[in-house]
């Protein structure tokens, strides 16, 4: 069973968050690269778990005409 992932740990820079082992940053045992994996709070801020994707409900319509004087001729 996987460990519960903490939302905002006290010192996230001391731990590698790349797998369920949560190794100290100076002695990673999983071999997940040379650098530790940062916690999402370090990358996206303390409200990282509240983020929601932007939903686009309608695509914009392009009304511009195509460019006629292209600097390169079309391929033959």
N, C-alpha and C. Protein backbone atom coordinates (compact mmCIF):
# COMPACT_ATOMS: atom_id res chain seq x y z
N UNK A 1 0.84 -1.18 0.00
CA UNK A 1 0.00 0.00 0.00
C UNK A 1 0.89 1.25 0.00
N UNK A 2 0.54 2.21 -0.81
CA UNK A 2 1.32 3.43 -0.91
C UNK A 2 1.11 4.32 0.32
N UNK A 3 2.16 5.06 0.65
CA UNK A 3 2.06 5.99 1.76
C UNK A 3 1.18 7.16 1.37
N UNK A 4 0.56 7.80 2.35
CA UNK A 4 -0.25 8.99 2.09
C UNK A 4 0.68 10.15 1.73
N UNK A 5 0.37 10.82 0.63
CA UNK A 5 1.21 11.92 0.15
C UNK A 5 0.86 13.20 0.90
N UNK A 6 1.83 13.83 1.59
CA UNK A 6 1.53 15.05 2.34
C UNK A 6 1.31 16.25 1.42
N UNK A 7 0.31 17.05 1.73
CA UNK A 7 -0.02 18.21 0.90
C UNK A 7 1.02 19.32 1.04
N UNK A 8 1.39 19.68 2.24
CA UNK A 8 2.37 20.75 2.48
C UNK A 8 3.31 20.35 3.61
N UNK A 9 4.35 19.56 3.31
CA UNK A 9 5.29 19.15 4.36
C UNK A 9 6.10 20.33 4.87
N UNK A 10 6.64 20.18 6.07
CA UNK A 10 7.37 21.26 6.72
C UNK A 10 8.66 21.62 5.97
N UNK A 11 9.50 20.65 5.64
CA UNK A 11 10.77 20.88 4.93
C UNK A 11 10.85 19.97 3.71
N UNK A 12 10.15 20.31 2.63
CA UNK A 12 10.13 19.40 1.47
C UNK A 12 11.48 19.25 0.78
N UNK A 13 12.38 20.20 0.97
CA UNK A 13 13.68 20.15 0.31
C UNK A 13 14.59 19.06 0.88
N UNK A 14 14.24 18.47 2.00
CA UNK A 14 15.06 17.45 2.64
C UNK A 14 14.75 16.04 2.16
N UNK A 15 13.70 15.89 1.33
CA UNK A 15 13.23 14.56 0.92
C UNK A 15 13.09 14.49 -0.59
N UNK A 16 13.35 13.31 -1.16
CA UNK A 16 13.07 13.06 -2.57
C UNK A 16 11.66 12.50 -2.66
N UNK A 17 10.82 13.11 -3.49
CA UNK A 17 9.41 12.73 -3.60
C UNK A 17 9.14 11.89 -4.85
N UNK A 18 10.16 11.26 -5.42
CA UNK A 18 10.01 10.54 -6.68
C UNK A 18 9.32 9.20 -6.60
N UNK A 19 9.23 8.59 -5.43
CA UNK A 19 8.55 7.30 -5.29
C UNK A 19 7.99 7.19 -3.88
N UNK A 20 7.52 6.04 -3.51
CA UNK A 20 6.92 5.85 -2.18
C UNK A 20 7.94 5.67 -1.07
N UNK A 21 9.23 5.67 -1.37
CA UNK A 21 10.25 5.50 -0.33
C UNK A 21 10.49 6.77 0.47
N UNK A 22 10.33 7.95 -0.16
CA UNK A 22 10.57 9.25 0.49
C UNK A 22 11.93 9.28 1.17
N UNK A 23 12.97 9.02 0.41
CA UNK A 23 14.34 8.96 0.93
C UNK A 23 14.86 10.35 1.28
N UNK A 24 15.81 10.44 2.20
CA UNK A 24 16.48 11.72 2.43
C UNK A 24 17.19 12.16 1.15
N UNK A 25 17.29 13.45 0.95
CA UNK A 25 17.84 14.00 -0.29
C UNK A 25 19.29 13.60 -0.51
N UNK A 26 20.02 13.29 0.55
CA UNK A 26 21.43 12.95 0.39
C UNK A 26 21.69 11.44 0.34
N UNK A 27 20.66 10.59 0.43
CA UNK A 27 20.86 9.14 0.33
C UNK A 27 19.66 8.47 -0.31
N UNK A 28 19.46 8.73 -1.61
CA UNK A 28 18.33 8.14 -2.32
C UNK A 28 18.64 6.68 -2.66
N UNK A 29 17.72 5.79 -2.38
CA UNK A 29 17.96 4.38 -2.61
C UNK A 29 17.23 3.83 -3.83
N UNK A 30 16.34 4.57 -4.44
CA UNK A 30 15.57 4.04 -5.56
C UNK A 30 16.30 4.15 -6.89
N UNK A 31 17.34 4.97 -6.97
CA UNK A 31 18.05 5.13 -8.23
C UNK A 31 17.28 5.95 -9.23
N UNK A 32 16.44 6.84 -8.77
CA UNK A 32 15.59 7.65 -9.63
C UNK A 32 16.34 8.89 -10.12
N UNK A 33 17.49 8.68 -10.75
CA UNK A 33 18.26 9.80 -11.26
C UNK A 33 19.25 10.31 -10.22
N UNK A 34 20.02 11.31 -10.60
CA UNK A 34 21.03 11.86 -9.71
C UNK A 34 20.47 12.94 -8.80
N UNK A 35 19.38 13.57 -9.21
CA UNK A 35 18.78 14.66 -8.43
C UNK A 35 17.51 14.16 -7.76
N UNK A 36 17.16 14.82 -6.69
CA UNK A 36 15.93 14.45 -6.00
C UNK A 36 14.74 15.03 -6.75
N UNK A 37 13.60 14.40 -6.64
CA UNK A 37 12.37 14.89 -7.24
C UNK A 37 11.73 15.87 -6.28
N UNK A 38 11.49 17.12 -6.69
CA UNK A 38 10.90 18.10 -5.77
C UNK A 38 9.42 17.83 -5.50
N UNK A 39 8.97 18.31 -4.38
CA UNK A 39 7.56 18.21 -4.00
C UNK A 39 6.78 19.20 -4.86
N UNK A 40 5.53 18.92 -5.25
CA UNK A 40 4.75 19.86 -6.06
C UNK A 40 4.59 21.24 -5.40
N UNK A 41 4.60 21.32 -4.08
CA UNK A 41 4.50 22.61 -3.40
C UNK A 41 5.72 23.48 -3.68
N UNK A 42 6.88 22.85 -3.92
CA UNK A 42 8.08 23.61 -4.25
C UNK A 42 7.99 24.19 -5.66
N UNK A 43 7.33 23.48 -6.55
CA UNK A 43 7.23 23.91 -7.94
C UNK A 43 6.06 24.86 -8.19
N UNK A 44 4.90 24.56 -7.59
CA UNK A 44 3.67 25.28 -7.93
C UNK A 44 3.08 26.11 -6.80
N UNK A 45 3.70 26.10 -5.63
CA UNK A 45 3.19 26.88 -4.51
C UNK A 45 2.35 26.03 -3.56
N UNK A 46 2.00 26.60 -2.44
CA UNK A 46 1.30 25.86 -1.40
C UNK A 46 -0.11 25.41 -1.81
N UNK A 47 -0.71 26.07 -2.79
CA UNK A 47 -2.05 25.69 -3.22
C UNK A 47 -2.03 24.79 -4.45
N UNK A 48 -0.97 24.00 -4.61
CA UNK A 48 -0.81 23.16 -5.78
C UNK A 48 -1.93 22.15 -5.93
N UNK A 49 -2.50 21.67 -4.83
CA UNK A 49 -3.54 20.66 -4.92
C UNK A 49 -4.93 21.25 -5.17
N UNK A 50 -5.04 22.57 -5.22
CA UNK A 50 -6.31 23.23 -5.51
C UNK A 50 -6.45 23.62 -6.97
N UNK A 51 -5.39 23.41 -7.75
CA UNK A 51 -5.38 23.84 -9.15
C UNK A 51 -6.39 23.05 -9.98
N UNK A 52 -7.06 23.74 -10.88
CA UNK A 52 -8.00 23.12 -11.82
C UNK A 52 -7.65 23.59 -13.23
N UNK A 53 -7.72 22.74 -14.23
CA UNK A 53 -7.43 23.18 -15.60
C UNK A 53 -8.49 24.15 -16.11
N UNK A 54 -8.07 25.03 -17.00
CA UNK A 54 -8.99 25.98 -17.60
C UNK A 54 -9.79 25.26 -18.67
N UNK A 55 -11.09 25.43 -18.64
CA UNK A 55 -11.97 24.77 -19.60
C UNK A 55 -12.36 25.78 -20.67
N UNK A 56 -12.07 25.46 -21.93
CA UNK A 56 -12.46 26.31 -23.05
C UNK A 56 -13.75 25.74 -23.62
N UNK A 57 -14.79 26.56 -23.59
CA UNK A 57 -16.09 26.05 -24.04
C UNK A 57 -16.32 26.27 -25.53
N UNK A 58 -15.70 27.28 -26.12
CA UNK A 58 -15.91 27.56 -27.53
C UNK A 58 -14.59 27.94 -28.16
N UNK A 59 -14.28 27.35 -29.30
CA UNK A 59 -13.05 27.66 -30.00
C UNK A 59 -13.22 28.96 -30.78
N UNK A 60 -12.19 29.82 -30.79
CA UNK A 60 -12.29 31.06 -31.57
C UNK A 60 -12.28 30.77 -33.07
N UNK A 61 -12.96 31.61 -33.84
CA UNK A 61 -13.03 31.47 -35.29
C UNK A 61 -12.01 32.41 -35.91
N UNK A 62 -11.16 31.87 -36.79
CA UNK A 62 -10.15 32.68 -37.47
C UNK A 62 -10.79 33.26 -38.72
N UNK A 63 -10.74 34.58 -38.84
CA UNK A 63 -11.38 35.23 -39.99
C UNK A 63 -10.37 35.86 -40.93
N UNK A 64 -9.08 35.71 -40.66
CA UNK A 64 -8.06 36.30 -41.53
C UNK A 64 -7.91 35.47 -42.80
N UNK A 65 -7.62 36.16 -43.89
CA UNK A 65 -7.40 35.48 -45.17
C UNK A 65 -5.98 34.92 -45.19
N UNK A 66 -5.73 33.84 -45.93
CA UNK A 66 -4.36 33.30 -46.01
C UNK A 66 -3.42 34.27 -46.72
N UNK A 67 -2.17 34.19 -46.40
CA UNK A 67 -1.15 35.06 -47.01
C UNK A 67 -0.88 34.58 -48.43
N UNK A 68 -0.98 35.50 -49.41
CA UNK A 68 -0.79 35.13 -50.81
C UNK A 68 0.65 35.25 -51.25
N UNK A 69 1.37 36.24 -50.76
CA UNK A 69 2.75 36.47 -51.17
C UNK A 69 3.70 35.81 -50.19
N UNK A 70 3.81 34.50 -50.30
CA UNK A 70 4.68 33.75 -49.41
C UNK A 70 6.10 33.87 -49.92
N UNK A 71 7.11 34.02 -49.04
CA UNK A 71 8.50 34.20 -49.51
C UNK A 71 9.08 32.95 -50.17
N UNK A 72 8.52 31.78 -49.92
CA UNK A 72 9.04 30.56 -50.53
C UNK A 72 8.01 29.99 -51.49
N UNK A 73 8.44 29.49 -52.63
CA UNK A 73 7.48 28.88 -53.56
C UNK A 73 6.99 27.54 -53.01
N UNK A 74 5.80 27.10 -53.42
CA UNK A 74 5.30 25.81 -52.94
C UNK A 74 6.16 24.66 -53.49
N UNK A 75 6.23 23.56 -52.78
CA UNK A 75 7.05 22.43 -53.27
C UNK A 75 6.41 21.79 -54.50
N UNK A 76 7.25 21.24 -55.37
CA UNK A 76 6.75 20.62 -56.61
C UNK A 76 6.80 19.12 -56.52
